[in-house]
Amino acid sequence: MKTYLTSILLALGFSSVTLAQTTPTRVQVANGTLEGRVEATGIRSFKGIPFAQPPVGDLRWREPQPPKNWQGVRQADKFGPRAMQRPIFGDMNFRSNGVSEDCLYLNVWTPAKSGNEKLPVLVYFYGGGFMAGDGSEPRYDGESMAKRGIVALTVNYRLNVFGFMAHPELTKESPNKASGNYGLLDQSAALRWVQQNIAAFGGDPKRVTIAGESAGSASVSAQMVSPLSKNLIAGAIGESGSIMGTLTPVSLAEAEKAGVAFAESLGATSLAALRALSAEQVLEATAKPNVGRFGLVVDGYFLPKPAHEIMAAGEQARVPLLAGWNSEEMNYRFMLGAEPITPESYKKAVEKAYGPQANEVLKLYPGATAEEAMQSATDLSGDRFIGFSTWKWTDMHARTGGGKPVYRYYYARPRPAMTAEMGNATPGLAGGVIRNTDTSAPKAPPAKGAVHSAEIEYAMGNLATNKVYAWTPDDHKVSETMQAYFANFIKTGNPNGSGLPKWSAVKPAGPAEIMVIDVNTRPETEKNRERYLFLDRFMVR
């Protein structure tokens, strides 16, 4: 019957591509039947799959609960809602169905035709400072990775106050006597869902690599050190960031104190009163002055102790790790503010930040000329922001990860010029752009290197999804190289493959070889180890 229908449609002028775009496909998971779509490329996609119950009502600020079964066929052709968040980053582009507390959904792209193929699996966590982001963003789309023989997933998780608020009442009611880290617990629940269900999509639950950028990369490092998740993964990829120096978790007592202060600012004298408020009321309250960031917590459950202590003891997941950072993770104005860049202004900024250690910093990050000062201020700003924490993660895992290989990269390809239709725009905080209608507003200086988040579309093979930039053949060359490294690593735990520059693993001690990813991708011996050994004295305690 299907062959007969196909023949009729082809005779009427419908192409096989059109058929592929409109063909439904079904899969049976633990909770029921899902109906997704076959994309034009032949990749099967399933979107908006619930991996936990909606965290609403009495489930607000609770550990994610297993999803309920459904009857009949559940449509899985649209992204679910994104987590509660404010529009704080100008480079985020969503395809999700609005914003909602009911946000715990994941998306699957698979090249498998059946559930018997045992393909490698990639689970990707989005960035956004644990305050914004979504699995529907085109830059994370899994179809390109699926075309390389990988079952690719993106996962939503709770953000901001909904994902990370701790409170004494929450700790008391928890069966684990912990609170906060709900966003990380969501990710862990998604990994358990993958273990239970990914075989139905042709994936191998024993070959699951987790990856992410920025807060997503920090999430990967957190899942690696958590006893709840470390046995659910076979490999890890981090793009810019770990929880050892960036978004470092605070103590449960400190987080609870912040939660009580937040509740008082809303006039909520009990947990029940907090849960009675609308999600919108709670979210908007986070934008008030003097409300701090809701971040990760050493809660005694998901994180039994600080990450660097877990890694020092070799108690993390003993899996291959590929991680790195970009050449311009932060602008020099992070150090100098509005001050013009001169050797004198740079020295003054370093002295203010480091006091008696300023001369040591100036030896490691010299600024004898305005040009050298600008570069060093850029490097120091980026290292303080995210470069050091990524280095620390890779350095420790190379020493305590049970001999599992660690591959470190340095991403140096600047984005190309914007397309003409972008008009007047300025760089955004998350590394993208913000349309600027105020022509009198000061503009950030143009980036010379690879800014924070610039590598995502290259690594995931998704340049075509970003219409902001005028991509060149060199950009596509870089993307092909970087995605090939990532795909090889996901498949084998080793990024090397035919036609690629040889990438050696980091040695446990001394200067390491890193892969500089650019138009001329090449291995180099790291030049700045002394910088990170110095920063280590300040950043992880």
Protein backbone atom coordinates (compact mmCIF):
# COMPACT_ATOMS: atom_id res chain seq x y z
CA MET A 1 0.00 0.00 0.00
CA LYS A 2 2.80 2.39 0.93
CA THR A 3 4.67 1.63 -2.32
CA TYR A 4 1.47 2.20 -4.32
CA LEU A 5 0.84 5.56 -2.58
CA THR A 6 4.44 6.62 -3.17
CA SER A 7 4.10 5.82 -6.88
CA ILE A 8 0.89 7.87 -7.18
CA LEU A 9 2.44 10.90 -5.41
CA LEU A 10 5.58 10.74 -7.53
CA ALA A 11 3.43 10.59 -10.67
CA LEU A 12 1.68 13.76 -9.48
CA GLY A 13 5.01 15.53 -9.25
CA PHE A 14 5.82 15.19 -5.56
CA SER A 15 9.53 14.58 -5.04
CA SER A 16 11.02 12.03 -2.68
CA VAL A 17 12.27 14.99 -0.61
CA THR A 18 8.69 16.19 -0.19
CA LEU A 19 7.68 12.70 0.87
CA ALA A 20 10.49 12.55 3.39
CA GLN A 21 9.44 15.87 4.90
CA THR A 22 5.89 14.67 5.47
CA THR A 23 6.46 11.04 6.45
CA PRO A 24 5.68 10.22 10.08
CA THR A 25 7.78 7.70 11.98
CA ARG A 26 7.06 5.97 15.25
CA VAL A 27 9.08 4.57 18.11
CA GLN A 28 8.07 2.81 21.31
CA VAL A 29 9.68 4.12 24.52
CA ALA A 30 9.05 3.12 28.13
CA ASN A 31 6.15 5.55 28.58
CA GLY A 32 4.32 5.02 25.29
CA THR A 33 4.45 5.50 21.53
CA LEU A 34 6.01 8.58 19.94
CA GLU A 35 5.39 9.81 16.41
CA GLY A 36 8.15 11.96 14.96
CA ARG A 37 9.10 12.94 11.43
CA VAL A 38 11.54 11.82 8.75
CA GLU A 39 13.50 14.90 7.67
CA ALA A 40 14.41 15.60 4.04
CA THR A 41 17.85 14.11 4.71
CA GLY A 42 16.35 10.82 5.89
CA ILE A 43 17.21 11.57 9.51
CA ARG A 44 14.38 10.77 11.91
CA SER A 45 13.59 13.48 14.46
CA PHE A 46 11.52 13.28 17.65
CA LYS A 47 10.97 16.57 19.47
CA GLY A 48 9.38 17.57 22.73
CA ILE A 49 9.74 14.20 24.47
CA PRO A 50 8.98 14.41 28.22
CA PHE A 51 11.75 12.89 30.34
CA ALA A 52 10.23 13.97 33.67
CA GLN A 53 6.93 15.20 35.03
CA PRO A 54 6.25 18.95 34.67
CA PRO A 55 8.00 20.62 37.67
CA VAL A 56 4.96 22.74 38.56
CA GLY A 57 2.80 23.20 41.64
CA ASP A 58 4.13 21.05 44.47
CA LEU A 59 6.88 19.77 42.15
CA ARG A 60 8.41 23.25 41.84
CA TRP A 61 11.85 23.04 43.50
CA ARG A 62 11.77 19.27 43.80
CA GLU A 63 13.94 16.59 42.26
CA PRO A 64 12.61 15.67 38.78
CA GLN A 65 10.02 12.91 38.96
CA PRO A 66 9.76 10.07 36.39
CA PRO A 67 7.43 10.86 33.47
CA LYS A 68 3.95 9.36 33.42
CA ASN A 69 2.78 6.93 30.76
CA TRP A 70 0.44 8.12 28.01
CA GLN A 71 -2.21 6.32 26.01
CA GLY A 72 -2.26 6.19 22.23
CA VAL A 73 0.29 7.97 20.07
CA ARG A 74 2.03 11.12 21.32
CA GLN A 75 3.06 13.59 18.61
CA ALA A 76 6.77 14.41 18.80
CA ASP A 77 7.12 16.83 15.89
CA LYS A 78 7.44 20.13 17.79
CA PHE A 79 9.89 21.40 20.40
CA GLY A 80 8.46 21.68 23.90
CA PRO A 81 8.46 24.96 25.86
CA ARG A 82 11.76 26.40 27.03
CA ALA A 83 12.55 26.87 30.71
CA MET A 84 11.46 30.05 32.49
CA GLN A 85 13.96 32.77 31.52
CA ARG A 86 14.28 36.42 30.68
CA PRO A 87 15.58 37.62 27.28
CA ILE A 88 19.07 38.47 28.48
CA PHE A 89 21.22 37.25 25.57
CA GLY A 90 20.88 38.75 22.12
CA ASP A 91 22.28 35.78 20.21
CA MET A 92 19.69 33.21 21.25
CA ASN A 93 17.21 32.09 18.62
CA PHE A 94 14.47 29.73 19.76
CA ARG A 95 12.17 27.34 17.93
CA SER A 96 10.46 26.24 21.14
CA ASN A 97 6.80 26.48 22.02
CA GLY A 98 7.01 29.52 24.31
CA VAL A 99 8.32 29.78 27.88
CA SER A 100 6.93 27.67 30.70
CA GLU A 101 7.72 25.99 33.99
CA ASP A 102 6.59 22.86 32.17
CA CYS A 103 9.88 22.56 30.31
CA LEU A 104 11.47 19.16 30.90
CA TYR A 105 11.63 17.87 27.35
CA LEU A 106 14.36 16.50 25.13
CA ASN A 107 14.83 16.08 21.39
CA VAL A 108 16.32 13.18 19.41
CA TRP A 109 17.78 13.03 15.90
CA THR A 110 18.71 9.54 14.70
CA PRO A 111 20.02 8.06 11.45
CA ALA A 112 19.00 4.57 12.57
CA LYS A 113 16.24 2.77 10.69
CA SER A 114 15.60 0.37 13.54
CA GLY A 115 16.34 -0.16 17.21
CA ASN A 116 19.08 -2.71 16.54
CA GLU A 117 21.94 -0.52 15.30
CA LYS A 118 23.70 0.40 18.58
CA LEU A 119 25.02 3.74 17.33
CA PRO A 120 27.05 6.16 19.48
CA VAL A 121 25.03 8.80 21.32
CA LEU A 122 25.61 12.52 21.91
CA VAL A 123 23.69 14.35 24.66
CA TYR A 124 24.17 18.13 24.40
CA PHE A 125 23.52 20.68 27.17
CA TYR A 126 23.00 24.30 26.11
CA GLY A 127 24.82 27.34 27.48
CA GLY A 128 23.46 30.59 28.88
CA GLY A 129 24.94 31.03 32.35
CA PHE A 130 22.28 28.77 33.91
CA MET A 131 19.93 31.69 33.30
CA ALA A 132 18.85 31.24 29.67
CA GLY A 133 19.06 28.84 26.72
CA ASP A 134 17.07 26.02 25.17
CA GLY A 135 17.45 22.73 23.34
CA SER A 136 15.59 24.16 20.35
CA GLU A 137 18.32 26.66 19.42
CA PRO A 138 19.35 25.98 15.81
CA ARG A 139 23.06 26.13 16.64
CA TYR A 140 22.66 22.96 18.73
CA ASP A 141 20.49 21.12 16.19
CA GLY A 142 21.38 17.42 16.08
CA GLU A 143 20.59 16.62 12.45
CA SER A 144 24.11 17.33 11.17
CA MET A 145 25.67 15.04 13.78
CA ALA A 146 23.07 12.38 13.02
CA LYS A 147 24.16 12.43 9.38
CA ARG A 148 27.58 11.31 10.65
CA GLY A 149 26.14 8.18 12.25
CA ILE A 150 25.40 9.52 15.73
CA VAL A 151 22.15 9.59 17.70
CA ALA A 152 22.08 13.23 18.88
CA LEU A 153 19.99 14.73 21.68
CA THR A 154 19.44 18.18 23.16
CA VAL A 155 18.06 18.42 26.68
CA ASN A 156 16.15 21.14 28.51
CA TYR A 157 16.83 21.84 32.18
CA ARG A 158 15.51 24.31 34.74
CA LEU A 159 17.26 27.67 35.00
CA ASN A 160 17.82 30.59 37.35
CA VAL A 161 15.68 30.59 40.51
CA PHE A 162 13.65 27.58 39.33
CA GLY A 163 16.76 25.52 38.69
CA PHE A 164 19.07 26.54 41.49
CA MET A 165 17.36 28.12 44.50
CA ALA A 166 18.18 26.50 47.81
CA HIS A 167 16.16 27.08 50.98
CA PRO A 168 16.13 25.51 54.46
CA GLU A 169 12.53 24.30 53.99
CA LEU A 170 13.46 22.72 50.67
CA THR A 171 16.40 20.96 52.28
CA LYS A 172 14.20 19.73 55.12
CA GLU A 173 11.49 18.29 52.85
CA SER A 174 13.94 16.64 50.47
CA PRO A 175 14.46 12.89 50.91
CA ASN A 176 18.12 13.62 50.18
CA LYS A 177 18.34 16.54 52.64
CA ALA A 178 19.60 18.76 49.87
CA SER A 179 18.28 21.69 47.85
CA GLY A 180 19.34 23.65 44.80
CA ASN A 181 20.93 21.99 41.74
CA TYR A 182 17.51 21.13 40.27
CA GLY A 183 18.81 22.01 36.80
CA LEU A 184 21.69 19.58 37.21
CA LEU A 185 19.31 16.94 38.55
CA ASP A 186 17.19 17.46 35.42
CA GLN A 187 20.23 16.70 33.27
CA SER A 188 20.96 13.59 35.31
CA ALA A 189 17.34 12.47 34.93
CA ALA A 190 17.67 12.92 31.16
CA LEU A 191 20.77 10.70 31.22
CA ARG A 192 18.80 8.01 33.05
CA TRP A 193 16.05 8.36 30.42
CA VAL A 194 18.71 7.84 27.75
CA GLN A 195 19.92 4.67 29.44
CA GLN A 196 16.38 3.31 29.49
CA ASN A 197 15.16 4.42 26.06
CA ILE A 198 17.93 5.27 23.61
CA ALA A 199 18.15 1.73 22.21
CA ALA A 200 14.68 2.24 20.73
CA PHE A 201 16.18 5.01 18.58
CA GLY A 202 19.11 2.83 17.48
CA GLY A 203 21.50 4.18 20.11
CA ASP A 204 23.87 2.30 22.38
CA PRO A 205 23.38 3.20 26.07
CA LYS A 206 26.97 2.11 26.71
CA ARG A 207 28.34 4.72 24.27
CA VAL A 208 26.88 8.00 25.56
CA THR A 209 29.01 11.12 25.29
CA ILE A 210 27.82 14.29 27.01
CA ALA A 211 28.78 17.71 25.66
CA GLY A 212 27.99 21.37 26.16
CA GLU A 213 29.18 24.94 25.80
CA SER A 214 29.70 27.54 28.57
CA ALA A 215 27.12 26.67 31.26
CA GLY A 216 26.61 23.48 29.26
CA SER A 217 30.34 22.74 29.52
CA ALA A 218 30.23 23.48 33.25
CA SER A 219 27.29 21.07 33.38
CA VAL A 220 29.38 18.37 31.73
CA SER A 221 32.09 18.81 34.36
CA ALA A 222 29.43 18.65 37.09
CA GLN A 223 27.89 15.45 35.71
CA MET A 224 31.36 13.92 35.52
CA VAL A 225 31.99 14.46 39.23
CA SER A 226 28.50 13.65 40.52
CA PRO A 227 27.97 10.14 41.91
CA LEU A 228 24.48 10.29 40.38
CA SER A 229 25.72 10.57 36.80
CA LYS A 230 29.33 9.47 36.50
CA ASN A 231 28.36 5.88 35.63
CA LEU A 232 25.87 6.95 32.94
CA ILE A 233 28.44 8.29 30.46
CA ALA A 234 31.25 6.96 28.28
CA GLY A 235 32.84 10.27 27.25
CA ALA A 236 32.71 14.03 27.79
CA ILE A 237 33.20 17.15 25.65
CA GLY A 238 33.52 20.62 27.15
CA GLU A 239 33.47 23.85 25.17
CA SER A 240 34.61 26.72 27.42
CA GLY A 241 34.05 26.22 31.10
CA SER A 242 34.01 23.97 34.14
CA ILE A 243 32.75 24.35 37.70
CA MET A 244 36.31 24.74 38.97
CA GLY A 245 36.75 28.48 38.57
CA THR A 246 33.70 29.46 36.53
CA LEU A 247 30.23 29.40 38.11
CA THR A 248 31.89 27.61 41.02
CA PRO A 249 29.35 26.03 43.42
CA VAL A 250 28.79 27.62 46.82
CA SER A 251 28.08 25.89 50.12
CA LEU A 252 24.55 24.75 50.94
CA ALA A 253 24.42 27.14 53.92
CA GLU A 254 25.34 30.10 51.70
CA ALA A 255 22.80 29.11 49.06
CA GLU A 256 20.06 28.63 51.66
CA LYS A 257 20.75 32.09 53.05
CA ALA A 258 20.32 33.58 49.58
CA GLY A 259 17.09 31.63 49.11
CA VAL A 260 15.64 32.96 52.36
CA ALA A 261 16.53 36.53 51.38
CA PHE A 262 14.85 36.05 48.00
CA ALA A 263 11.70 34.68 49.61
CA GLU A 264 11.59 37.62 52.01
CA SER A 265 11.91 40.05 49.10
CA LEU A 266 8.69 38.53 47.73
CA GLY A 267 6.94 38.66 51.07
CA ALA A 268 6.78 34.87 51.13
CA THR A 269 7.13 33.62 54.69
CA SER A 270 6.84 29.94 53.82
CA LEU A 271 7.64 27.51 51.05
CA ALA A 272 3.93 27.06 50.41
CA ALA A 273 3.64 30.80 49.81
CA LEU A 274 6.54 30.70 47.38
CA ARG A 275 4.95 27.85 45.44
CA ALA A 276 1.64 29.70 45.36
CA LEU A 277 3.19 32.56 43.37
CA SER A 278 2.98 32.42 39.59
CA ALA A 279 6.07 31.46 37.66
CA GLU A 280 6.07 34.93 36.10
CA GLN A 281 6.05 36.63 39.52
CA VAL A 282 8.98 34.54 40.69
CA LEU A 283 10.96 35.10 37.51
CA GLU A 284 10.44 38.87 37.42
CA ALA A 285 11.57 39.15 41.04
CA THR A 286 15.00 37.87 39.98
CA ALA A 287 15.46 41.04 37.92
CA LYS A 288 15.16 43.32 40.95
CA PRO A 289 18.26 45.17 42.18
CA ASN A 290 20.39 43.33 44.73
CA VAL A 291 19.04 39.88 43.77
CA GLY A 292 22.12 37.77 43.15
CA ARG A 293 22.67 34.85 40.82
CA PHE A 294 21.19 31.48 41.71
CA GLY A 295 24.06 29.12 41.05
CA LEU A 296 25.33 25.64 41.71
CA VAL A 297 25.51 24.26 45.23
CA VAL A 298 27.71 21.79 47.08
CA ASP A 299 24.51 20.22 48.36
CA GLY A 300 25.83 16.97 49.80
CA TYR A 301 23.81 14.94 47.31
CA PHE A 302 24.37 15.75 43.65
CA LEU A 303 27.71 17.33 44.65
CA PRO A 304 28.85 15.66 47.87
CA LYS A 305 31.91 17.93 48.01
CA PRO A 306 33.64 20.55 45.83
CA ALA A 307 34.53 19.34 42.34
CA HIS A 308 38.28 19.83 42.71
CA GLU A 309 38.25 17.63 45.82
CA ILE A 310 36.36 14.91 43.96
CA MET A 311 38.82 15.08 41.06
CA ALA A 312 41.85 15.22 43.33
CA ALA A 313 40.68 11.91 44.80
CA GLY A 314 40.11 10.43 41.33
CA GLU A 315 36.42 9.88 42.10
CA GLN A 316 35.09 11.40 38.86
CA ALA A 317 33.86 9.47 35.83
CA ARG A 318 36.90 7.80 34.35
CA VAL A 319 36.13 8.51 30.71
CA PRO A 320 37.90 10.19 27.78
CA LEU A 321 37.62 14.00 27.86
CA LEU A 322 37.91 16.51 25.01
CA ALA A 323 37.77 20.16 26.07
CA GLY A 324 39.07 23.60 25.23
CA TRP A 325 38.37 27.30 25.04
CA ASN A 326 38.41 30.21 22.60
CA SER A 327 40.99 32.87 21.85
CA GLU A 328 38.82 35.83 22.92
CA GLU A 329 36.49 34.52 25.60
CA MET A 330 36.18 37.99 27.09
CA ASN A 331 36.94 41.53 25.92
CA TYR A 332 39.74 43.57 27.51
CA ARG A 333 37.12 45.97 28.89
CA PHE A 334 36.36 43.32 31.50
CA MET A 335 39.60 44.52 33.10
CA LEU A 336 39.71 48.19 32.07
CA GLY A 337 36.08 49.25 31.81
CA ALA A 338 35.80 52.47 29.78
CA GLU A 339 39.45 53.42 30.28
CA PRO A 340 41.52 53.84 27.08
CA ILE A 341 44.01 51.01 26.69
CA THR A 342 47.56 52.14 27.44
CA PRO A 343 50.45 50.45 29.27
CA GLU A 344 49.72 52.73 32.22
CA SER A 345 45.98 52.04 32.40
CA TYR A 346 46.57 48.31 32.03
CA LYS A 347 49.17 48.28 34.81
CA LYS A 348 46.81 50.24 37.05
CA ALA A 349 43.98 47.75 36.42
CA VAL A 350 46.26 44.78 37.22
CA GLU A 351 47.49 46.44 40.42
CA LYS A 352 43.90 47.05 41.48
CA ALA A 353 42.95 43.42 40.84
CA TYR A 354 46.05 41.68 42.22
CA GLY A 355 47.73 44.04 44.68
CA PRO A 356 51.10 42.63 45.80
CA GLN A 357 51.00 39.97 43.07
CA ALA A 358 50.64 42.57 40.29
CA ASN A 359 54.28 42.38 39.19
CA GLU A 360 54.00 38.62 38.80
CA VAL A 361 50.86 39.07 36.68
CA LEU A 362 52.60 41.65 34.49
CA LYS A 363 55.40 39.20 33.78
CA LEU A 364 52.91 36.55 32.70
CA TYR A 365 50.62 39.00 30.89
CA PRO A 366 53.01 41.79 29.78
CA GLY A 367 51.85 45.20 28.54
CA ALA A 368 54.85 47.28 27.47
CA THR A 369 53.00 48.76 24.50
CA ALA A 370 49.35 49.63 23.93
CA GLU A 371 49.01 46.71 21.53
CA GLU A 372 50.63 44.25 23.92
CA ALA A 373 48.53 45.61 26.80
CA MET A 374 45.34 45.13 24.81
CA GLN A 375 46.24 41.53 23.98
CA SER A 376 47.29 40.71 27.55
CA ALA A 377 44.20 42.36 29.02
CA THR A 378 42.08 40.32 26.60
CA ASP A 379 43.92 37.11 27.51
CA LEU A 380 43.75 37.78 31.26
CA SER A 381 40.05 38.66 31.07
CA GLY A 382 39.29 35.49 29.12
CA ASP A 383 41.34 33.32 31.45
CA ARG A 384 39.71 34.76 34.55
CA PHE A 385 36.28 34.30 32.99
CA ILE A 386 36.52 30.78 31.58
CA GLY A 387 39.91 29.79 30.15
CA PHE A 388 41.49 28.87 33.47
CA SER A 389 38.57 26.74 34.64
CA THR A 390 38.66 24.71 31.43
CA TRP A 391 42.41 24.26 31.73
CA LYS A 392 42.03 23.18 35.37
CA TRP A 393 39.46 20.54 34.44
CA THR A 394 41.61 19.02 31.71
CA ASP A 395 44.77 19.23 33.80
CA MET A 396 43.24 17.46 36.78
CA HIS A 397 41.55 14.76 34.71
CA ALA A 398 44.81 14.02 32.92
CA ARG A 399 46.40 13.40 36.31
CA THR A 400 43.60 11.61 38.20
CA GLY A 401 41.29 10.18 35.52
CA GLY A 402 42.65 6.65 35.66
CA GLY A 403 44.74 7.02 32.53
CA LYS A 404 41.82 7.96 30.29
CA PRO A 405 42.94 10.29 27.47
CA VAL A 406 42.38 14.04 27.63
CA TYR A 407 42.40 16.11 24.44
CA ARG A 408 42.75 19.90 24.78
CA TYR A 409 41.98 22.43 22.06
CA TYR A 410 42.36 26.19 21.55
CA TYR A 411 39.79 27.57 19.15
CA ALA A 412 41.11 30.56 17.21
CA ARG A 413 38.87 31.12 14.17
CA PRO A 414 37.22 34.58 14.34
CA ARG A 415 33.73 34.82 12.94
CA PRO A 416 33.47 36.41 9.49
CA ALA A 417 31.76 39.71 8.73
CA MET A 418 28.05 40.05 9.36
CA THR A 419 25.64 39.82 6.48
CA ALA A 420 24.50 43.14 5.05
CA GLU A 421 20.96 42.79 6.38
CA MET A 422 22.15 42.74 10.00
CA GLY A 423 22.57 46.52 9.84
CA ASN A 424 23.69 48.28 13.01
CA ALA A 425 24.51 45.61 15.57
CA THR A 426 26.97 45.12 18.41
CA PRO A 427 28.51 42.02 19.96
CA GLY A 428 26.28 40.36 22.53
CA LEU A 429 27.30 39.14 25.98
CA ALA A 430 26.88 35.51 24.99
CA GLY A 431 29.14 35.97 22.00
CA GLY A 432 26.49 36.74 19.42
CA VAL A 433 25.02 40.08 18.43
CA ILE A 434 22.40 42.48 19.69
CA ARG A 435 20.62 44.72 17.25
CA ASN A 436 21.37 48.27 18.31
CA THR A 437 18.76 50.92 17.61
CA ASP A 438 20.49 53.53 19.77
CA THR A 439 23.22 54.92 17.52
CA SER A 440 24.57 57.06 20.37
CA ALA A 441 25.27 54.03 22.56
CA PRO A 442 28.97 53.12 22.88
CA LYS A 443 29.93 50.05 20.92
CA ALA A 444 32.21 47.32 22.15
CA PRO A 445 35.44 47.16 20.15
CA PRO A 446 35.32 44.58 17.37
CA ALA A 447 36.65 41.16 18.26
CA LYS A 448 39.94 40.07 16.75
CA GLY A 449 39.74 36.51 17.98
CA ALA A 450 37.16 33.80 18.51
CA VAL A 451 34.65 35.17 21.01
CA HIS A 452 32.77 33.19 23.61
CA SER A 453 30.33 30.72 21.96
CA ALA A 454 31.72 31.38 18.46
CA GLU A 455 32.65 27.73 17.92
CA ILE A 456 29.24 26.14 18.49
CA GLU A 457 27.93 26.19 14.92
CA TYR A 458 31.31 25.01 13.63
CA ALA A 459 31.53 22.10 16.06
CA MET A 460 27.96 20.95 15.51
CA GLY A 461 28.00 21.44 11.73
CA ASN A 462 25.34 24.12 11.86
CA LEU A 463 26.80 27.18 10.10
CA ALA A 464 23.83 27.25 7.74
CA THR A 465 21.41 27.78 10.65
CA ASN A 466 23.01 31.14 11.56
CA LYS A 467 22.07 33.86 9.07
CA VAL A 468 23.90 36.61 10.98
CA TYR A 469 27.31 35.95 9.45
CA ALA A 470 28.54 35.75 5.87
CA TRP A 471 30.21 32.34 6.10
CA THR A 472 33.15 31.76 3.75
CA PRO A 473 34.74 28.59 2.36
CA ASP A 474 37.35 28.88 5.11
CA ASP A 475 34.61 28.82 7.73
CA HIS A 476 33.16 25.67 6.21
CA LYS A 477 36.65 24.15 6.19
CA VAL A 478 37.07 24.87 9.90
CA SER A 479 33.61 23.46 10.63
CA GLU A 480 34.35 20.27 8.72
CA THR A 481 37.57 19.78 10.69
CA MET A 482 36.11 20.53 14.10
CA GLN A 483 32.96 18.48 13.60
CA ALA A 484 35.02 15.56 12.32
CA TYR A 485 37.15 15.65 15.47
CA PHE A 486 34.04 15.76 17.65
CA ALA A 487 32.29 12.98 15.73
CA ASN A 488 35.35 10.72 15.88
CA PHE A 489 35.62 11.31 19.62
CA ILE A 490 31.93 10.53 20.16
CA LYS A 491 32.34 7.27 18.23
CA THR A 492 35.65 6.04 19.62
CA GLY A 493 36.85 8.23 22.50
CA ASN A 494 39.63 9.47 20.20
CA PRO A 495 39.26 12.52 17.88
CA ASN A 496 41.82 11.36 15.34
CA GLY A 497 40.85 10.16 11.90
CA SER A 498 41.78 10.12 8.25
CA GLY A 499 42.71 13.48 6.76
CA LEU A 500 42.97 15.29 10.12
CA PRO A 501 46.08 16.67 11.82
CA LYS A 502 47.18 14.22 14.53
CA TRP A 503 45.90 15.20 17.95
CA SER A 504 47.89 13.87 20.91
CA ALA A 505 46.48 13.43 24.39
CA VAL A 506 47.57 15.70 27.24
CA LYS A 507 50.42 14.41 29.36
CA PRO A 508 49.78 14.23 33.12
CA ALA A 509 52.57 16.71 33.92
CA GLY A 510 54.45 19.48 32.18
CA PRO A 511 53.57 21.41 29.02
CA ALA A 512 50.95 19.64 26.93
CA GLU A 513 50.24 19.48 23.24
CA ILE A 514 47.06 21.31 22.27
CA MET A 515 45.17 21.40 18.99
CA VAL A 516 44.83 24.92 17.62
CA ILE A 517 41.61 24.87 15.58
CA ASP A 518 41.64 27.46 12.80
CA VAL A 519 41.88 27.58 9.02
CA ASN A 520 45.35 26.13 9.52
CA THR A 521 44.46 23.61 12.24
CA ARG A 522 47.65 22.37 13.88
CA PRO A 523 49.07 20.89 17.06
CA GLU A 524 51.21 23.15 19.25
CA THR A 525 52.91 22.83 22.60
CA GLU A 526 51.05 24.96 25.15
CA LYS A 527 52.84 28.23 25.82
CA ASN A 528 50.97 29.56 28.84
CA ARG A 529 50.99 26.85 31.47
CA GLU A 530 52.66 29.22 33.96
CA ARG A 531 49.68 31.59 33.67
CA TYR A 532 47.27 28.88 34.78
CA LEU A 533 49.50 27.65 37.57
CA PHE A 534 49.52 31.23 38.85
CA LEU A 535 45.74 31.65 38.55
CA ASP A 536 45.29 28.34 40.33
CA ARG A 537 46.42 30.07 43.52
CA PHE A 538 43.37 32.35 43.37
CA MET A 539 40.57 30.58 41.53
CA VAL A 540 39.75 27.21 43.08
CA ARG A 541 39.30 27.02 46.81
